[in-house]
Structures are given as C-alpha cells and as structure tokens.
mmCIF file of all heavy atoms, coordinates in Angstrom:
data_MODEL
# 
_entry.id   MODEL 
# 
loop_
_atom_site.group_PDB 
_atom_site.id 
_atom_site.type_symbol 
_atom_site.label_atom_id 
_atom_site.label_alt_id 
_atom_site.label_comp_id 
_atom_site.label_asym_id 
_atom_site.label_entity_id 
_atom_site.label_seq_id 
_atom_site.pdbx_PDB_ins_code 
_atom_site.Cartn_x 
_atom_site.Cartn_y 
_atom_site.Cartn_z 
_atom_site.occupancy 
_atom_site.B_iso_or_equiv 
_atom_site.pdbx_formal_charge 
_atom_site.auth_seq_id 
_atom_site.auth_comp_id 
_atom_site.auth_asym_id 
_atom_site.auth_atom_id 
_atom_site.pdbx_PDB_model_num 
ATOM 1   N N   . ASP A 1 1  ? 0.837  -1.244  -0.003  1.00 0.00 ? 1  ASP A N   1 
ATOM 2   C CA  . ASP A 1 1  ? 0.022  0.060   0.043   1.00 0.00 ? 1  ASP A CA  1 
ATOM 3   C C   . ASP A 1 1  ? 0.806  1.225   0.030   1.00 0.00 ? 1  ASP A C   1 
ATOM 4   O O   . ASP A 1 1  ? 0.393  2.398   -0.177  1.00 0.00 ? 1  ASP A O   1 
ATOM 5   C CB  . ASP A 1 1  ? -1.012 -0.012  1.179   1.00 0.00 ? 1  ASP A CB  1 
ATOM 6   C CG  . ASP A 1 1  ? -0.332 -0.032  2.518   1.00 0.00 ? 1  ASP A CG  1 
ATOM 7   O OD1 . ASP A 1 1  ? 0.832  -0.640  2.703   1.00 0.00 ? 1  ASP A OD1 1 
ATOM 8   O OD2 . ASP A 1 1  ? -0.814 0.630   3.568   1.00 0.00 ? 1  ASP A OD2 1 
ATOM 9   N N   . CYS A 1 2  ? 2.121  1.182   0.198   1.00 0.00 ? 2  CYS A N   1 
ATOM 10  C CA  . CYS A 1 2  ? 3.111  2.307   -0.028  1.00 0.00 ? 2  CYS A CA  1 
ATOM 11  C C   . CYS A 1 2  ? 3.295  2.770   -1.450  1.00 0.00 ? 2  CYS A C   1 
ATOM 12  O O   . CYS A 1 2  ? 3.801  3.855   -1.652  1.00 0.00 ? 2  CYS A O   1 
ATOM 13  C CB  . CYS A 1 2  ? 4.374  2.021   0.815   1.00 0.00 ? 2  CYS A CB  1 
ATOM 14  S SG  . CYS A 1 2  ? 4.396  1.836   2.488   1.00 0.00 ? 2  CYS A SG  1 
ATOM 15  N N   . PHE A 1 3  ? 2.930  1.854   -2.302  1.00 0.00 ? 3  PHE A N   1 
ATOM 16  C CA  . PHE A 1 3  ? 3.163  2.096   -3.799  1.00 0.00 ? 3  PHE A CA  1 
ATOM 17  C C   . PHE A 1 3  ? 1.938  2.644   -4.409  1.00 0.00 ? 3  PHE A C   1 
ATOM 18  O O   . PHE A 1 3  ? 0.902  2.312   -4.254  1.00 0.00 ? 3  PHE A O   1 
ATOM 19  C CB  . PHE A 1 3  ? 3.705  0.904   -4.489  1.00 0.00 ? 3  PHE A CB  1 
ATOM 20  C CG  . PHE A 1 3  ? 5.133  0.410   -3.936  1.00 0.00 ? 3  PHE A CG  1 
ATOM 21  C CD1 . PHE A 1 3  ? 5.012  -0.511  -3.009  1.00 0.00 ? 3  PHE A CD1 1 
ATOM 22  C CD2 . PHE A 1 3  ? 6.247  0.965   -4.383  1.00 0.00 ? 3  PHE A CD2 1 
ATOM 23  C CE1 . PHE A 1 3  ? 6.224  -0.989  -2.355  1.00 0.00 ? 3  PHE A CE1 1 
ATOM 24  C CE2 . PHE A 1 3  ? 7.499  0.565   -3.791  1.00 0.00 ? 3  PHE A CE2 1 
ATOM 25  C CZ  . PHE A 1 3  ? 7.480  -0.543  -2.797  1.00 0.00 ? 3  PHE A CZ  1 
ATOM 26  N N   . GLU A 1 4  ? 2.314  3.497   -5.486  1.00 0.00 ? 4  GLU A N   1 
ATOM 27  C CA  . GLU A 1 4  ? 1.074  3.986   -6.340  1.00 0.00 ? 4  GLU A CA  1 
ATOM 28  C C   . GLU A 1 4  ? 0.622  2.793   -7.155  1.00 0.00 ? 4  GLU A C   1 
ATOM 29  O O   . GLU A 1 4  ? 1.369  1.969   -7.474  1.00 0.00 ? 4  GLU A O   1 
ATOM 30  C CB  . GLU A 1 4  ? 1.488  5.068   -7.177  1.00 0.00 ? 4  GLU A CB  1 
ATOM 31  C CG  . GLU A 1 4  ? 1.806  6.411   -6.536  1.00 0.00 ? 4  GLU A CG  1 
ATOM 32  C CD  . GLU A 1 4  ? 2.293  7.578   -7.297  1.00 0.00 ? 4  GLU A CD  1 
ATOM 33  O OE1 . GLU A 1 4  ? 2.232  7.388   -8.526  1.00 0.00 ? 4  GLU A OE1 1 
ATOM 34  O OE2 . GLU A 1 4  ? 2.566  8.508   -6.777  1.00 0.00 ? 4  GLU A OE2 1 
ATOM 35  N N   . SER A 1 5  ? -0.658 2.613   -7.309  1.00 0.00 ? 5  SER A N   1 
ATOM 36  C CA  . SER A 1 5  ? -1.314 1.528   -8.041  1.00 0.00 ? 5  SER A CA  1 
ATOM 37  C C   . SER A 1 5  ? -0.625 1.244   -9.354  1.00 0.00 ? 5  SER A C   1 
ATOM 38  O O   . SER A 1 5  ? -0.372 1.966   -10.212 1.00 0.00 ? 5  SER A O   1 
ATOM 39  C CB  . SER A 1 5  ? -2.761 1.768   -8.302  1.00 0.00 ? 5  SER A CB  1 
ATOM 40  O OG  . SER A 1 5  ? -3.391 0.735   -8.945  1.00 0.00 ? 5  SER A OG  1 
ATOM 41  N N   . GLY A 1 6  ? -0.176 -0.092  -9.418  1.00 0.00 ? 6  GLY A N   1 
ATOM 42  C CA  . GLY A 1 6  ? 0.491  -0.589  -10.657 1.00 0.00 ? 6  GLY A CA  1 
ATOM 43  C C   . GLY A 1 6  ? 1.842  0.082   -10.968 1.00 0.00 ? 6  GLY A C   1 
ATOM 44  O O   . GLY A 1 6  ? 2.191  0.008   -12.033 1.00 0.00 ? 6  GLY A O   1 
ATOM 45  N N   . SER A 1 7  ? 2.537  0.587   -9.947  1.00 0.00 ? 7  SER A N   1 
ATOM 46  C CA  . SER A 1 7  ? 3.795  1.288   -10.052 1.00 0.00 ? 7  SER A CA  1 
ATOM 47  C C   . SER A 1 7  ? 4.872  0.896   -9.092  1.00 0.00 ? 7  SER A C   1 
ATOM 48  O O   . SER A 1 7  ? 4.447  0.445   -8.077  1.00 0.00 ? 7  SER A O   1 
ATOM 49  C CB  . SER A 1 7  ? 3.426  2.824   -10.128 1.00 0.00 ? 7  SER A CB  1 
ATOM 50  O OG  . SER A 1 7  ? 4.584  3.500   -10.151 1.00 0.00 ? 7  SER A OG  1 
ATOM 51  N N   . GLU A 1 8  ? 6.059  1.296   -9.418  1.00 0.00 ? 8  GLU A N   1 
ATOM 52  C CA  . GLU A 1 8  ? 7.076  1.079   -8.358  1.00 0.00 ? 8  GLU A CA  1 
ATOM 53  C C   . GLU A 1 8  ? 7.249  2.450   -7.633  1.00 0.00 ? 8  GLU A C   1 
ATOM 54  O O   . GLU A 1 8  ? 8.138  2.519   -6.788  1.00 0.00 ? 8  GLU A O   1 
ATOM 55  C CB  . GLU A 1 8  ? 8.434  0.785   -9.031  1.00 0.00 ? 8  GLU A CB  1 
ATOM 56  C CG  . GLU A 1 8  ? 8.409  -0.648  -9.649  1.00 0.00 ? 8  GLU A CG  1 
ATOM 57  C CD  . GLU A 1 8  ? 9.862  -1.015  -10.221 1.00 0.00 ? 8  GLU A CD  1 
ATOM 58  O OE1 . GLU A 1 8  ? 10.801 -0.169  -10.263 1.00 0.00 ? 8  GLU A OE1 1 
ATOM 59  O OE2 . GLU A 1 8  ? 9.936  -2.224  -10.658 1.00 0.00 ? 8  GLU A OE2 1 
ATOM 60  N N   . ARG A 1 9  ? 6.567  3.355   -7.982  1.00 0.00 ? 9  ARG A N   1 
ATOM 61  C CA  . ARG A 1 9  ? 6.619  4.732   -7.411  1.00 0.00 ? 9  ARG A CA  1 
ATOM 62  C C   . ARG A 1 9  ? 5.975  4.756   -6.022  1.00 0.00 ? 9  ARG A C   1 
ATOM 63  O O   . ARG A 1 9  ? 4.886  4.308   -5.815  1.00 0.00 ? 9  ARG A O   1 
ATOM 64  C CB  . ARG A 1 9  ? 6.031  5.836   -8.347  1.00 0.00 ? 9  ARG A CB  1 
ATOM 65  C CG  . ARG A 1 9  ? 6.239  7.220   -7.808  1.00 0.00 ? 9  ARG A CG  1 
ATOM 66  C CD  . ARG A 1 9  ? 5.500  8.216   -8.848  1.00 0.00 ? 9  ARG A CD  1 
ATOM 67  N NE  . ARG A 1 9  ? 5.589  9.450   -8.202  1.00 0.00 ? 9  ARG A NE  1 
ATOM 68  C CZ  . ARG A 1 9  ? 5.988  10.659  -8.800  1.00 0.00 ? 9  ARG A CZ  1 
ATOM 69  N NH1 . ARG A 1 9  ? 6.342  10.511  -10.092 1.00 0.00 ? 9  ARG A NH1 1 
ATOM 70  N NH2 . ARG A 1 9  ? 6.008  11.650  -8.173  1.00 0.00 ? 9  ARG A NH2 1 
ATOM 71  N N   . LEU A 1 10 ? 6.697  5.363   -5.007  1.00 0.00 ? 10 LEU A N   1 
ATOM 72  C CA  . LEU A 1 10 ? 6.162  5.507   -3.708  1.00 0.00 ? 10 LEU A CA  1 
ATOM 73  C C   . LEU A 1 10 ? 5.229  6.642   -3.516  1.00 0.00 ? 10 LEU A C   1 
ATOM 74  O O   . LEU A 1 10 ? 5.424  7.638   -4.241  1.00 0.00 ? 10 LEU A O   1 
ATOM 75  C CB  . LEU A 1 10 ? 7.238  5.673   -2.593  1.00 0.00 ? 10 LEU A CB  1 
ATOM 76  C CG  . LEU A 1 10 ? 8.101  4.446   -2.293  1.00 0.00 ? 10 LEU A CG  1 
ATOM 77  C CD1 . LEU A 1 10 ? 9.282  5.003   -1.296  1.00 0.00 ? 10 LEU A CD1 1 
ATOM 78  C CD2 . LEU A 1 10 ? 7.510  3.264   -1.608  1.00 0.00 ? 10 LEU A CD2 1 
ATOM 79  N N   . HIS A 1 11 ? 4.207  6.413   -2.670  1.00 0.00 ? 11 HIS A N   1 
ATOM 80  C CA  . HIS A 1 11 ? 3.374  7.549   -2.368  1.00 0.00 ? 11 HIS A CA  1 
ATOM 81  C C   . HIS A 1 11 ? 4.222  8.503   -1.616  1.00 0.00 ? 11 HIS A C   1 
ATOM 82  O O   . HIS A 1 11 ? 5.181  8.124   -0.866  1.00 0.00 ? 11 HIS A O   1 
ATOM 83  C CB  . HIS A 1 11 ? 2.172  7.082   -1.400  1.00 0.00 ? 11 HIS A CB  1 
ATOM 84  C CG  . HIS A 1 11 ? 1.074  6.361   -2.052  1.00 0.00 ? 11 HIS A CG  1 
ATOM 85  N ND1 . HIS A 1 11 ? 0.268  6.869   -3.019  1.00 0.00 ? 11 HIS A ND1 1 
ATOM 86  C CD2 . HIS A 1 11 ? 0.823  4.946   -2.048  1.00 0.00 ? 11 HIS A CD2 1 
ATOM 87  C CE1 . HIS A 1 11 ? -0.557 5.875   -3.403  1.00 0.00 ? 11 HIS A CE1 1 
ATOM 88  N NE2 . HIS A 1 11 ? -0.178 4.799   -2.830  1.00 0.00 ? 11 HIS A NE2 1 
ATOM 89  N N   . SER A 1 12 ? 3.895  9.828   -1.602  1.00 0.00 ? 12 SER A N   1 
ATOM 90  C CA  . SER A 1 12 ? 4.683  10.836  -0.986  1.00 0.00 ? 12 SER A CA  1 
ATOM 91  C C   . SER A 1 12 ? 4.842  10.640  0.588   1.00 0.00 ? 12 SER A C   1 
ATOM 92  O O   . SER A 1 12 ? 5.764  11.056  1.124   1.00 0.00 ? 12 SER A O   1 
ATOM 93  C CB  . SER A 1 12 ? 4.241  12.222  -1.266  1.00 0.00 ? 12 SER A CB  1 
ATOM 94  O OG  . SER A 1 12 ? 2.895  12.443  -0.756  1.00 0.00 ? 12 SER A OG  1 
ATOM 95  N N   . ASP A 1 13 ? 3.826  9.980   1.124   1.00 0.00 ? 13 ASP A N   1 
ATOM 96  C CA  . ASP A 1 13 ? 3.835  9.807   2.603   1.00 0.00 ? 13 ASP A CA  1 
ATOM 97  C C   . ASP A 1 13 ? 4.173  8.359   2.981   1.00 0.00 ? 13 ASP A C   1 
ATOM 98  O O   . ASP A 1 13 ? 3.997  8.018   4.114   1.00 0.00 ? 13 ASP A O   1 
ATOM 99  C CB  . ASP A 1 13 ? 2.486  10.263  3.209   1.00 0.00 ? 13 ASP A CB  1 
ATOM 100 C CG  . ASP A 1 13 ? 1.326  9.360   2.590   1.00 0.00 ? 13 ASP A CG  1 
ATOM 101 O OD1 . ASP A 1 13 ? 1.459  8.703   1.627   1.00 0.00 ? 13 ASP A OD1 1 
ATOM 102 O OD2 . ASP A 1 13 ? 0.297  9.392   3.259   1.00 0.00 ? 13 ASP A OD2 1 
ATOM 103 N N   . ALA A 1 14 ? 4.677  7.597   2.092   1.00 0.00 ? 14 ALA A N   1 
ATOM 104 C CA  . ALA A 1 14 ? 5.066  6.209   2.393   1.00 0.00 ? 14 ALA A CA  1 
ATOM 105 C C   . ALA A 1 14 ? 6.097  6.078   3.492   1.00 0.00 ? 14 ALA A C   1 
ATOM 106 O O   . ALA A 1 14 ? 7.109  6.897   3.511   1.00 0.00 ? 14 ALA A O   1 
ATOM 107 C CB  . ALA A 1 14 ? 5.531  5.526   1.165   1.00 0.00 ? 14 ALA A CB  1 
ATOM 108 N N   . ILE A 1 15 ? 5.974  5.204   4.273   1.00 0.00 ? 15 ILE A N   1 
ATOM 109 C CA  . ILE A 1 15 ? 6.883  4.976   5.453   1.00 0.00 ? 15 ILE A CA  1 
ATOM 110 C C   . ILE A 1 15 ? 7.360  3.403   5.536   1.00 0.00 ? 15 ILE A C   1 
ATOM 111 O O   . ILE A 1 15 ? 6.392  2.666   5.476   1.00 0.00 ? 15 ILE A O   1 
ATOM 112 C CB  . ILE A 1 15 ? 6.387  5.344   6.831   1.00 0.00 ? 15 ILE A CB  1 
ATOM 113 C CG1 . ILE A 1 15 ? 6.069  6.852   6.839   1.00 0.00 ? 15 ILE A CG1 1 
ATOM 114 C CG2 . ILE A 1 15 ? 7.222  5.048   7.966   1.00 0.00 ? 15 ILE A CG2 1 
ATOM 115 C CD1 . ILE A 1 15 ? 5.384  7.380   8.111   1.00 0.00 ? 15 ILE A CD1 1 
ATOM 116 N N   . PRO A 1 16 ? 8.568  3.176   5.445   1.00 0.00 ? 16 PRO A N   1 
ATOM 117 C CA  . PRO A 1 16 ? 8.988  1.770   5.438   1.00 0.00 ? 16 PRO A CA  1 
ATOM 118 C C   . PRO A 1 16 ? 8.715  1.039   6.706   1.00 0.00 ? 16 PRO A C   1 
ATOM 119 O O   . PRO A 1 16 ? 9.036  1.689   7.904   1.00 0.00 ? 16 PRO A O   1 
ATOM 120 C CB  . PRO A 1 16 ? 10.456 1.793   5.219   1.00 0.00 ? 16 PRO A CB  1 
ATOM 121 C CG  . PRO A 1 16 ? 10.915 3.103   5.647   1.00 0.00 ? 16 PRO A CG  1 
ATOM 122 C CD  . PRO A 1 16 ? 9.727  4.020   5.452   1.00 0.00 ? 16 PRO A CD  1 
ATOM 123 N N   . THR A 1 17 ? 7.980  0.023   6.906   1.00 0.00 ? 17 THR A N   1 
ATOM 124 C CA  . THR A 1 17 ? 7.660  -0.797  8.115   1.00 0.00 ? 17 THR A CA  1 
ATOM 125 C C   . THR A 1 17 ? 8.148  -2.207  8.047   1.00 0.00 ? 17 THR A C   1 
ATOM 126 O O   . THR A 1 17 ? 8.005  -2.861  9.157   1.00 0.00 ? 17 THR A O   1 
ATOM 127 C CB  . THR A 1 17 ? 6.123  -0.709  8.202   1.00 0.00 ? 17 THR A CB  1 
ATOM 128 O OG1 . THR A 1 17 ? 5.498  -1.266  7.182   1.00 0.00 ? 17 THR A OG1 1 
ATOM 129 C CG2 . THR A 1 17 ? 5.676  0.699   8.560   1.00 0.00 ? 17 THR A CG2 1 
ATOM 130 N N   . VAL A 1 18 ? 8.648  -2.723  7.040   1.00 0.00 ? 18 VAL A N   1 
ATOM 131 C CA  . VAL A 1 18 ? 9.119  -4.080  6.913   1.00 0.00 ? 18 VAL A CA  1 
ATOM 132 C C   . VAL A 1 18 ? 10.573 -4.230  7.230   1.00 0.00 ? 18 VAL A C   1 
ATOM 133 O O   . VAL A 1 18 ? 11.470 -4.071  6.378   1.00 0.00 ? 18 VAL A O   1 
ATOM 134 C CB  . VAL A 1 18 ? 8.830  -4.701  5.492   1.00 0.00 ? 18 VAL A CB  1 
ATOM 135 C CG1 . VAL A 1 18 ? 9.132  -6.128  5.444   1.00 0.00 ? 18 VAL A CG1 1 
ATOM 136 C CG2 . VAL A 1 18 ? 7.462  -4.433  5.112   1.00 0.00 ? 18 VAL A CG2 1 
ATOM 137 N N   . PHE A 1 19 ? 10.821 -4.388  8.586   1.00 0.00 ? 19 PHE A N   1 
ATOM 138 C CA  . PHE A 1 19 ? 12.159 -4.665  9.031   1.00 0.00 ? 19 PHE A CA  1 
ATOM 139 C C   . PHE A 1 19 ? 12.246 -5.752  9.908   1.00 0.00 ? 19 PHE A C   1 
ATOM 140 O O   . PHE A 1 19 ? 11.693 -5.631  11.101  1.00 0.00 ? 19 PHE A O   1 
ATOM 141 C CB  . PHE A 1 19 ? 12.699 -3.354  9.771   1.00 0.00 ? 19 PHE A CB  1 
ATOM 142 C CG  . PHE A 1 19 ? 12.853 -2.162  8.908   1.00 0.00 ? 19 PHE A CG  1 
ATOM 143 C CD1 . PHE A 1 19 ? 11.850 -1.240  8.847   1.00 0.00 ? 19 PHE A CD1 1 
ATOM 144 C CD2 . PHE A 1 19 ? 13.946 -2.073  7.973   1.00 0.00 ? 19 PHE A CD2 1 
ATOM 145 C CE1 . PHE A 1 19 ? 11.875 -0.109  8.008   1.00 0.00 ? 19 PHE A CE1 1 
ATOM 146 C CE2 . PHE A 1 19 ? 14.013 -1.002  7.137   1.00 0.00 ? 19 PHE A CE2 1 
ATOM 147 C CZ  . PHE A 1 19 ? 13.063 0.008   7.188   1.00 0.00 ? 19 PHE A CZ  1 
ATOM 148 N N   . ASN A 1 20 ? 12.867 -6.876  9.570   1.00 0.00 ? 20 ASN A N   1 
ATOM 149 C CA  . ASN A 1 20 ? 12.725 -8.064  10.362  1.00 0.00 ? 20 ASN A CA  1 
ATOM 150 C C   . ASN A 1 20 ? 14.287 -8.260  10.855  1.00 0.00 ? 20 ASN A C   1 
ATOM 151 O O   . ASN A 1 20 ? 15.102 -8.573  10.035  1.00 0.00 ? 20 ASN A O   1 
ATOM 152 C CB  . ASN A 1 20 ? 12.302 -9.268  9.695   1.00 0.00 ? 20 ASN A CB  1 
ATOM 153 C CG  . ASN A 1 20 ? 11.964 -10.358 10.654  1.00 0.00 ? 20 ASN A CG  1 
ATOM 154 O OD1 . ASN A 1 20 ? 12.684 -10.418 11.815  1.00 0.00 ? 20 ASN A OD1 1 
ATOM 155 N ND2 . ASN A 1 20 ? 11.128 -11.333 10.419  1.00 0.00 ? 20 ASN A ND2 1 
ATOM 156 N N   . PHE A 1 21 ? 14.630 -8.048  12.151  1.00 0.00 ? 21 PHE A N   1 
ATOM 157 C CA  . PHE A 1 21 ? 15.892 -7.888  12.636  1.00 0.00 ? 21 PHE A CA  1 
ATOM 158 C C   . PHE A 1 21 ? 16.496 -9.343  12.875  1.00 0.00 ? 21 PHE A C   1 
ATOM 159 O O   . PHE A 1 21 ? 17.571 -9.441  13.262  1.00 0.00 ? 21 PHE A O   1 
ATOM 160 C CB  . PHE A 1 21 ? 16.099 -7.043  13.868  1.00 0.00 ? 21 PHE A CB  1 
ATOM 161 C CG  . PHE A 1 21 ? 15.843 -5.580  13.506  1.00 0.00 ? 21 PHE A CG  1 
ATOM 162 C CD1 . PHE A 1 21 ? 14.455 -5.085  13.692  1.00 0.00 ? 21 PHE A CD1 1 
ATOM 163 C CD2 . PHE A 1 21 ? 16.642 -4.817  12.846  1.00 0.00 ? 21 PHE A CD2 1 
ATOM 164 C CE1 . PHE A 1 21 ? 14.195 -3.808  13.531  1.00 0.00 ? 21 PHE A CE1 1 
ATOM 165 C CE2 . PHE A 1 21 ? 16.347 -3.438  12.507  1.00 0.00 ? 21 PHE A CE2 1 
ATOM 166 C CZ  . PHE A 1 21 ? 15.140 -2.919  12.895  1.00 0.00 ? 21 PHE A CZ  1 
ATOM 167 N N   . THR A 1 22 ? 15.570 -10.338 12.696  1.00 0.00 ? 22 THR A N   1 
ATOM 168 C CA  . THR A 1 22 ? 15.999 -11.672 13.100  1.00 0.00 ? 22 THR A CA  1 
ATOM 169 C C   . THR A 1 22 ? 16.070 -12.655 11.886  1.00 0.00 ? 22 THR A C   1 
ATOM 170 O O   . THR A 1 22 ? 16.524 -13.720 12.012  1.00 0.00 ? 22 THR A O   1 
ATOM 171 C CB  . THR A 1 22 ? 15.114 -12.218 14.171  1.00 0.00 ? 22 THR A CB  1 
ATOM 172 O OG1 . THR A 1 22 ? 13.718 -12.322 13.650  1.00 0.00 ? 22 THR A OG1 1 
ATOM 173 C CG2 . THR A 1 22 ? 15.118 -11.552 15.414  1.00 0.00 ? 22 THR A CG2 1 
ATOM 174 N N   . GLN A 1 23 ? 15.530 -12.225 10.852  1.00 0.00 ? 23 GLN A N   1 
ATOM 175 C CA  . GLN A 1 23 ? 15.556 -13.072 9.613   1.00 0.00 ? 23 GLN A CA  1 
ATOM 176 C C   . GLN A 1 23 ? 16.832 -12.675 8.680   1.00 0.00 ? 23 GLN A C   1 
ATOM 177 O O   . GLN A 1 23 ? 17.321 -11.628 8.854   1.00 0.00 ? 23 GLN A O   1 
ATOM 178 C CB  . GLN A 1 23 ? 14.346 -12.857 8.844   1.00 0.00 ? 23 GLN A CB  1 
ATOM 179 C CG  . GLN A 1 23 ? 13.063 -13.448 9.502   1.00 0.00 ? 23 GLN A CG  1 
ATOM 180 C CD  . GLN A 1 23 ? 11.909 -13.344 8.602   1.00 0.00 ? 23 GLN A CD  1 
ATOM 181 O OE1 . GLN A 1 23 ? 11.777 -12.568 7.825   1.00 0.00 ? 23 GLN A OE1 1 
ATOM 182 N NE2 . GLN A 1 23 ? 10.888 -14.323 8.906   1.00 0.00 ? 23 GLN A NE2 1 
ATOM 183 N N   . THR A 1 24 ? 17.180 -13.535 7.923   1.00 0.00 ? 24 THR A N   1 
ATOM 184 C CA  . THR A 1 24 ? 18.156 -13.227 6.884   1.00 0.00 ? 24 THR A CA  1 
ATOM 185 C C   . THR A 1 24 ? 17.640 -12.224 5.853   1.00 0.00 ? 24 THR A C   1 
ATOM 186 O O   . THR A 1 24 ? 16.466 -12.177 5.827   1.00 0.00 ? 24 THR A O   1 
ATOM 187 C CB  . THR A 1 24 ? 18.539 -14.479 6.127   1.00 0.00 ? 24 THR A CB  1 
ATOM 188 O OG1 . THR A 1 24 ? 17.472 -15.060 5.217   1.00 0.00 ? 24 THR A OG1 1 
ATOM 189 C CG2 . THR A 1 24 ? 19.112 -15.608 7.054   1.00 0.00 ? 24 THR A CG2 1 
ATOM 190 N N   . THR A 1 25 ? 18.458 -11.495 5.204   1.00 0.00 ? 25 THR A N   1 
ATOM 191 C CA  . THR A 1 25 ? 17.980 -10.587 4.224   1.00 0.00 ? 25 THR A CA  1 
ATOM 192 C C   . THR A 1 25 ? 17.218 -11.315 3.121   1.00 0.00 ? 25 THR A C   1 
ATOM 193 O O   . THR A 1 25 ? 16.250 -10.732 2.614   1.00 0.00 ? 25 THR A O   1 
ATOM 194 C CB  . THR A 1 25 ? 19.231 -9.905  3.577   1.00 0.00 ? 25 THR A CB  1 
ATOM 195 O OG1 . THR A 1 25 ? 20.106 -9.532  4.690   1.00 0.00 ? 25 THR A OG1 1 
ATOM 196 C CG2 . THR A 1 25 ? 18.830 -8.679  2.860   1.00 0.00 ? 25 THR A CG2 1 
ATOM 197 N N   . ASN A 1 26 ? 17.515 -12.528 2.749   1.00 0.00 ? 26 ASN A N   1 
ATOM 198 C CA  . ASN A 1 26 ? 16.769 -13.238 1.781   1.00 0.00 ? 26 ASN A CA  1 
ATOM 199 C C   . ASN A 1 26 ? 15.334 -13.324 2.126   1.00 0.00 ? 26 ASN A C   1 
ATOM 200 O O   . ASN A 1 26 ? 14.292 -13.238 1.402   1.00 0.00 ? 26 ASN A O   1 
ATOM 201 C CB  . ASN A 1 26 ? 17.413 -14.718 1.574   1.00 0.00 ? 26 ASN A CB  1 
ATOM 202 C CG  . ASN A 1 26 ? 16.789 -15.347 0.363   1.00 0.00 ? 26 ASN A CG  1 
ATOM 203 O OD1 . ASN A 1 26 ? 16.005 -14.838 -0.483  1.00 0.00 ? 26 ASN A OD1 1 
ATOM 204 N ND2 . ASN A 1 26 ? 16.991 -16.660 0.254   1.00 0.00 ? 26 ASN A ND2 1 
# 
C-alpha cells in the first residue's frame, strides 16, 4: 500500500515498516 497503483513509485507519505531484525536478508 506504500506504492502507487501498478507502479514502483512510492506515495509521498510512504513509510517503510518491513524490518525483520532476526531473519536473513533473503
């Protein structure tokens, strides 16, 4: 939901929230 519909472009108010500090980067 941070991305504009059908695009790789972020909404202007997008905030990253997917940070898992215990999993591998993969």
